Amino acid sequence: MTLPELIYAPTDGGTIHRYEISGGKRKFLRFIGCYLGQCNFHKNIDDAIDYIKNLKASQKIQKT
């Protein structure tokens, strides 16, 4: 099993890693979106980017 590979790091925070998970006889490619310690697996990179954007937006709402 390989380690997660950093593939995207926006300048305003957050990271997205590509991660290969083996399940039985198959391997699955998943993306991990993280922002301020909150991480979630996604099936594609677009969902991971949206996850980070939503977390950033909710943090801005809570600060005001």
Protein backbone atom coordinates (compact mmCIF):
# COMPACT_ATOMS: atom_id res chain seq x y z
CA MET A 1 0.00 0.00 0.00
CA THR A 2 1.38 3.40 -0.96
CA LEU A 3 1.26 6.60 1.04
CA PRO A 4 -1.11 9.43 0.06
CA GLU A 5 0.39 11.73 -2.57
CA LEU A 6 -0.15 15.50 -2.36
CA ILE A 7 -1.66 16.70 -5.64
CA TYR A 8 -3.25 20.07 -4.81
CA ALA A 9 -2.63 22.75 -2.18
CA PRO A 10 -4.55 26.01 -2.65
CA THR A 11 -2.74 29.16 -1.52
CA ASP A 12 -5.51 30.02 0.97
CA GLY A 13 -5.29 26.67 2.80
CA GLY A 14 -6.34 23.05 2.53
CA THR A 15 -4.85 20.06 0.77
CA ILE A 16 -5.94 17.28 -1.54
CA HIS A 17 -4.11 13.97 -1.62
CA ARG A 18 -4.50 11.05 -4.00
CA TYR A 19 -4.72 7.70 -2.22
CA GLU A 20 -4.88 4.19 -3.62
CA ILE A 21 -6.93 1.78 -1.50
CA SER A 22 -6.92 -1.95 -2.07
CA GLY A 23 -10.18 -3.77 -1.49
CA GLY A 24 -10.14 -7.47 -2.21
CA LYS A 25 -8.77 -8.02 -5.69
CA ARG A 26 -9.27 -4.41 -6.82
CA LYS A 27 -7.58 -1.12 -6.15
CA PHE A 28 -9.59 2.07 -5.78
CA LEU A 29 -8.32 5.59 -6.36
CA ARG A 30 -9.70 8.06 -3.83
CA PHE A 31 -8.99 11.69 -3.04
CA ILE A 32 -8.68 13.05 0.49
CA GLY A 33 -9.74 16.67 0.95
CA CYS A 34 -8.52 18.31 4.19
CA TYR A 35 -8.98 21.75 5.71
CA LEU A 36 -8.14 22.68 9.31
CA GLY A 37 -7.94 19.06 10.40
CA GLN A 38 -11.26 18.03 8.85
CA CYS A 39 -10.67 15.39 6.18
CA ASN A 40 -12.98 13.36 3.96
CA PHE A 41 -12.56 10.78 1.18
CA HIS A 42 -14.02 11.52 -2.27
CA LYS A 43 -14.31 9.56 -5.50
CA ASN A 44 -13.03 12.39 -7.70
CA ILE A 45 -10.93 15.51 -7.33
CA ASP A 46 -13.80 17.89 -8.13
CA ASP A 47 -15.77 16.66 -5.12
CA ALA A 48 -12.69 17.09 -2.91
CA ILE A 49 -12.21 20.68 -4.14
CA ASP A 50 -15.89 21.47 -3.47
CA TYR A 51 -15.55 19.97 0.03
CA ILE A 52 -12.63 22.31 0.84
CA LYS A 53 -14.48 25.33 -0.58
CA ASN A 54 -17.55 24.54 1.52
CA LEU A 55 -15.46 24.18 4.68
CA LYS A 56 -13.75 27.52 3.99
CA ALA A 57 -17.11 29.21 3.43
CA SER A 58 -18.55 27.81 6.67
CA GLN A 59 -15.48 29.02 8.61
CA LYS A 60 -15.94 32.55 7.23
CA ILE A 61 -19.62 32.57 8.25
CA GLN A 62 -18.79 31.43 11.80
CA LYS A 63 -16.10 34.13 12.26
CA THR A 64 -18.44 37.05 11.46
